[in-house]
Amino acid sequence: MNDPLGDMLTRIRNAQMRGKSVVSTPASKQRARVLDVLADEGYIRGYESGTDALGHPTFEISLKYYEGTPVIRELKRVSKPGRRVYMGVSDIPQVRQGLGVSIVSTSRGVMSDAAARAANVGGEVLCTVF
């Protein structure tokens, strides 16, 4: 797999289109940090660590719905393995005039765009959520 984070985002999108309440994805530190940001911002209920049938570590992501529609309307990968997107603190984009969130990987960890601006750090824009 060339893009593990993109795979996780696609699993979340596909599960929400099917109306699933829980989706499973392989575990990694970066995925955990992105899921922490999604949970802090209220886009998912949370996630739990577990193992699959072969003993590999996984995350069980609890998706969030409001009146039957998914809370996440749009989940888009920005920085891809073939084209990395780095931005300074003043260049980090606002998603839908601040209604959405950009998830940024900085030298101080993975955080939302608002937290990156507050910490005055830029970095790699991983994805946007609305």
Protein backbone atom coordinates (compact mmCIF):
# COMPACT_ATOMS: atom_id res chain seq x y z
CA MET A 1 0.00 0.00 0.00
CA ASN A 2 1.49 3.30 -1.10
CA ASP A 3 -0.77 5.69 0.81
CA PRO A 4 -1.93 4.33 4.18
CA LEU A 5 -3.59 7.57 5.27
CA GLY A 6 -5.44 7.86 1.96
CA ASP A 7 -6.61 4.27 2.43
CA MET A 8 -8.04 5.10 5.86
CA LEU A 9 -9.85 8.17 4.54
CA THR A 10 -11.32 6.13 1.70
CA ARG A 11 -12.51 3.45 4.15
CA ILE A 12 -14.26 6.14 6.19
CA ARG A 13 -15.90 7.66 3.09
CA ASN A 14 -17.06 4.26 1.83
CA ALA A 15 -18.43 3.19 5.22
CA GLN A 16 -20.41 6.42 5.53
CA MET A 17 -21.89 6.00 2.06
CA ARG A 18 -23.12 2.55 3.16
CA GLY A 19 -24.40 3.84 6.50
CA LYS A 20 -22.05 1.74 8.62
CA SER A 21 -21.58 2.67 12.27
CA VAL A 22 -18.08 1.18 12.64
CA VAL A 23 -15.20 0.77 10.17
CA SER A 24 -11.91 -1.06 10.69
CA THR A 25 -8.50 0.06 9.42
CA PRO A 26 -4.92 -1.09 10.06
CA ALA A 27 -3.23 0.77 12.90
CA SER A 28 -0.31 3.17 12.69
CA LYS A 29 0.91 6.17 14.70
CA GLN A 30 0.06 8.69 11.99
CA ARG A 31 -3.45 7.29 11.55
CA ALA A 32 -3.95 7.48 15.33
CA ARG A 33 -2.93 11.15 15.38
CA VAL A 34 -5.29 11.99 12.50
CA LEU A 35 -8.12 10.11 14.23
CA ASP A 36 -7.37 12.04 17.43
CA VAL A 37 -7.87 15.32 15.54
CA LEU A 38 -11.09 14.04 13.91
CA ALA A 39 -12.42 12.99 17.33
CA ASP A 40 -11.42 16.30 18.98
CA GLU A 41 -13.15 18.27 16.23
CA GLY A 42 -16.31 16.14 16.55
CA TYR A 43 -16.28 14.41 13.17
CA ILE A 44 -16.12 10.87 14.59
CA ARG A 45 -17.31 9.41 17.89
CA GLY A 46 -13.91 7.89 18.60
CA TYR A 47 -11.78 4.84 17.90
CA GLU A 48 -10.50 1.80 19.73
CA SER A 49 -7.43 -0.35 19.24
CA GLY A 50 -7.83 -4.02 18.48
CA THR A 51 -6.44 -6.86 16.40
CA ASP A 52 -7.70 -8.61 13.30
CA ALA A 53 -7.95 -12.37 12.73
CA LEU A 54 -4.23 -12.58 11.86
CA GLY A 55 -3.14 -10.67 14.96
CA HIS A 56 -2.34 -7.39 13.18
CA PRO A 57 -3.16 -4.19 15.10
CA THR A 58 -6.26 -2.35 13.88
CA PHE A 59 -8.43 0.62 14.77
CA GLU A 60 -12.21 0.33 15.04
CA ILE A 61 -13.51 3.78 14.11
CA SER A 62 -16.99 4.74 15.36
CA LEU A 63 -18.58 7.02 12.77
CA LYS A 64 -20.91 9.85 13.69
CA TYR A 65 -24.28 10.64 12.12
CA TYR A 66 -26.74 13.47 12.66
CA GLU A 67 -30.39 12.72 11.84
CA GLY A 68 -29.30 9.87 9.58
CA THR A 69 -26.77 11.84 7.53
CA PRO A 70 -23.00 11.55 8.04
CA VAL A 71 -21.34 14.38 9.97
CA ILE A 72 -18.42 14.28 7.51
CA ARG A 73 -19.71 15.68 4.23
CA GLU A 74 -16.37 15.89 2.46
CA LEU A 75 -13.07 14.19 3.29
CA LYS A 76 -10.27 15.00 0.87
CA ARG A 77 -6.57 14.04 0.81
CA VAL A 78 -4.40 17.09 0.02
CA SER A 79 -0.78 15.95 0.34
CA LYS A 80 -0.21 12.71 -1.54
CA PRO A 81 2.88 10.50 -1.83
CA GLY A 82 3.50 11.74 -5.37
CA ARG A 83 3.00 15.40 -4.51
CA ARG A 84 3.61 16.62 -0.97
CA VAL A 85 2.01 19.93 -0.02
CA TYR A 86 3.82 22.01 2.61
CA MET A 87 2.57 25.38 3.80
CA GLY A 88 3.74 28.03 6.19
CA VAL A 89 1.53 29.14 9.06
CA SER A 90 0.17 32.10 7.08
CA ASP A 91 -0.63 29.92 4.04
CA ILE A 92 -2.63 27.15 5.75
CA PRO A 93 -6.04 27.22 4.05
CA GLN A 94 -9.35 27.69 5.82
CA VAL A 95 -11.88 25.07 4.75
CA ARG A 96 -15.29 26.55 3.89
CA GLN A 97 -14.51 29.87 5.62
CA GLY A 98 -13.65 28.09 8.87
CA LEU A 99 -16.56 25.61 8.96
CA GLY A 100 -14.23 22.74 8.04
CA VAL A 101 -10.81 21.66 9.26
CA SER A 102 -7.43 21.14 7.62
CA ILE A 103 -5.31 18.50 9.34
CA VAL A 104 -1.65 19.51 9.37
CA SER A 105 1.44 17.47 10.26
CA THR A 106 3.83 19.88 11.96
CA SER A 107 7.09 19.62 13.85
CA ARG A 108 4.97 19.66 17.02
CA GLY A 109 2.72 16.81 15.90
CA VAL A 110 -0.46 16.36 13.89
CA MET A 111 -3.01 19.09 14.63
CA SER A 112 -5.90 21.04 13.18
CA ASP A 113 -5.36 24.20 11.18
CA ALA A 114 -6.58 26.38 14.07
CA ALA A 115 -4.18 24.71 16.50
CA ALA A 116 -1.31 25.13 14.01
CA ARG A 117 -2.06 28.84 13.67
CA ALA A 118 -2.24 29.19 17.47
CA ALA A 119 1.11 27.39 17.83
CA ASN A 120 2.53 29.47 14.94
CA VAL A 121 3.81 26.44 13.01
CA GLY A 122 3.33 25.30 9.45
CA GLY A 123 3.80 21.88 7.92
CA GLU A 124 2.38 19.28 5.58
CA VAL A 125 -1.36 19.62 4.92
CA LEU A 126 -2.55 16.01 5.13
CA CYS A 127 -6.27 16.37 4.42
CA THR A 128 -9.31 18.59 4.69
CA VAL A 129 -12.61 17.72 6.38
CA PHE A 130 -15.97 19.39 6.05
